[in-house]
Amino acid sequence: QVQLVESGGGLVQPGGSLRLSCAASGSISSFNRMGWLRQAPGKGREFVAAITTGGTTNYADSVKGRFTISRDNAKNTLYLQMNSLKLEDTAVYYCDAWGTQYYWGQGTQVTVSS
């Protein structure tokens, strides 16, 4: 059973940057796809970004050009670099992974506020 633990969230001003990390308790090389979701207050969970084993990435339109997803199989870690943050990016961010099973983490809070 692999556990995913997100970190790197916090309070940032509009226009600022944060880098989220998702550390896995085991190897991530077997995960065909890993990604990030987010849930804003009062809203449902929404797709943010995903990356395949081969490095193909996919982004929600709302974050294209501002967020970058990457994975380091050697460190068993998934990342989300978030630049030019906006108020509407405020949410709890979750990482997830697809392998023989589906896994997800507990989330990290990102608050964008002036």
Protein backbone atom coordinates (compact mmCIF):
# COMPACT_ATOMS: atom_id res chain seq x y z
CA GLN A 1 0.00 0.00 0.00
CA VAL A 2 1.59 3.28 -1.13
CA GLN A 3 0.95 6.46 0.80
CA LEU A 4 1.10 9.91 -0.79
CA VAL A 5 1.96 12.93 1.34
CA GLU A 6 1.64 16.45 -0.02
CA SER A 7 3.65 19.42 1.25
CA GLY A 8 4.62 22.93 0.22
CA GLY A 9 1.32 24.69 0.61
CA GLY A 10 0.94 27.99 2.39
CA LEU A 11 -0.12 31.60 2.16
CA VAL A 12 1.10 33.61 -0.82
CA GLN A 13 0.22 36.95 -2.35
CA PRO A 14 -1.30 37.20 -5.85
CA GLY A 15 1.42 36.89 -8.44
CA GLY A 16 3.58 34.79 -6.16
CA SER A 17 4.85 31.25 -6.52
CA LEU A 18 4.77 27.99 -4.62
CA ARG A 19 6.09 24.52 -5.31
CA LEU A 20 4.06 21.61 -4.06
CA SER A 21 5.59 18.20 -3.47
CA CYS A 22 3.95 14.81 -3.22
CA ALA A 23 6.18 12.20 -1.63
CA ALA A 24 5.31 8.55 -2.06
CA SER A 25 6.16 5.90 0.52
CA GLY A 26 7.11 3.52 -2.28
CA SER A 27 8.27 3.55 -5.86
CA ILE A 28 6.30 5.75 -8.23
CA SER A 29 7.87 4.29 -11.35
CA SER A 30 5.00 1.82 -11.65
CA PHE A 31 2.38 4.56 -11.68
CA ASN A 32 1.20 5.07 -15.23
CA ARG A 33 -0.10 8.49 -14.39
CA MET A 34 0.17 10.90 -11.50
CA GLY A 35 -1.61 14.16 -11.05
CA TRP A 36 -2.88 17.03 -9.00
CA LEU A 37 -6.45 17.90 -8.13
CA ARG A 38 -7.78 20.78 -6.09
CA GLN A 39 -10.89 21.65 -4.15
CA ALA A 40 -11.82 25.23 -3.42
CA PRO A 41 -14.16 26.12 -0.56
CA GLY A 42 -17.74 25.24 -1.43
CA LYS A 43 -16.76 23.64 -4.73
CA GLY A 44 -16.13 20.15 -6.04
CA ARG A 45 -12.74 18.62 -6.67
CA GLU A 46 -11.30 19.57 -10.03
CA PHE A 47 -8.46 18.40 -12.23
CA VAL A 48 -5.34 20.56 -12.27
CA ALA A 49 -2.57 18.65 -14.03
CA ALA A 50 -1.32 15.16 -14.78
CA ILE A 51 1.84 13.49 -16.05
CA THR A 52 2.39 10.03 -17.47
CA THR A 53 5.32 7.70 -17.03
CA GLY A 54 6.56 8.82 -20.41
CA GLY A 55 6.47 12.46 -19.39
CA THR A 56 3.36 13.54 -21.28
CA THR A 57 1.63 16.34 -19.39
CA ASN A 58 -1.89 17.66 -19.37
CA TYR A 59 -3.24 20.80 -17.71
CA ALA A 60 -6.54 22.40 -16.91
CA ASP A 61 -7.12 25.47 -19.05
CA SER A 62 -7.22 27.62 -15.93
CA VAL A 63 -3.59 26.83 -15.05
CA LYS A 64 -1.95 26.41 -18.46
CA GLY A 65 1.16 28.55 -18.78
CA ARG A 66 1.34 29.14 -15.03
CA PHE A 67 1.69 25.67 -13.48
CA THR A 68 4.21 22.97 -14.31
CA ILE A 69 3.92 19.36 -13.23
CA SER A 70 6.95 17.11 -12.99
CA ARG A 71 7.98 13.84 -11.41
CA ASP A 72 11.27 12.51 -10.08
CA ASN A 73 11.12 8.73 -10.06
CA ALA A 74 14.47 8.49 -8.26
CA LYS A 75 13.07 10.51 -5.36
CA ASN A 76 9.58 9.01 -5.62
CA THR A 77 8.18 12.52 -5.68
CA LEU A 78 5.70 14.45 -7.78
CA TYR A 79 5.90 18.24 -8.02
CA LEU A 80 3.67 21.12 -9.00
CA GLN A 81 5.39 24.44 -9.65
CA MET A 82 2.80 27.19 -9.41
CA ASN A 83 3.64 30.65 -10.70
CA SER A 84 1.59 33.82 -11.16
CA LEU A 85 -0.84 32.63 -8.54
CA LYS A 86 -4.32 34.11 -8.52
CA LEU A 87 -6.95 34.48 -5.82
CA GLU A 88 -8.97 31.76 -7.52
CA ASP A 89 -6.14 29.26 -7.10
CA THR A 90 -6.96 29.11 -3.39
CA ALA A 91 -7.82 25.49 -2.62
CA VAL A 92 -6.70 22.29 -1.01
CA TYR A 93 -4.40 20.54 -3.46
CA TYR A 94 -4.27 16.76 -3.65
CA CYS A 95 -1.97 14.47 -5.54
CA ASP A 96 -3.15 11.17 -6.94
CA ALA A 97 -1.70 8.21 -8.78
CA TRP A 98 -2.89 5.41 -11.00
CA GLY A 99 -1.18 2.06 -10.89
CA THR A 100 -2.68 -1.32 -10.11
CA GLN A 101 -4.73 0.71 -7.64
CA TYR A 102 -5.76 4.31 -7.33
CA TYR A 103 -4.07 6.36 -4.60
CA TRP A 104 -4.52 9.87 -3.28
CA GLY A 105 -3.08 12.02 -0.54
CA GLN A 106 -4.58 14.07 2.28
CA GLY A 107 -3.99 17.42 0.64
CA THR A 108 -2.13 20.65 1.32
CA GLN A 109 -3.75 24.07 1.67
CA VAL A 110 -2.83 26.83 -0.75
CA THR A 111 -4.17 30.28 0.07
CA VAL A 112 -3.65 33.19 -2.30
CA SER A 113 -4.49 36.44 -0.59
CA SER A 114 -3.29 40.02 -0.41
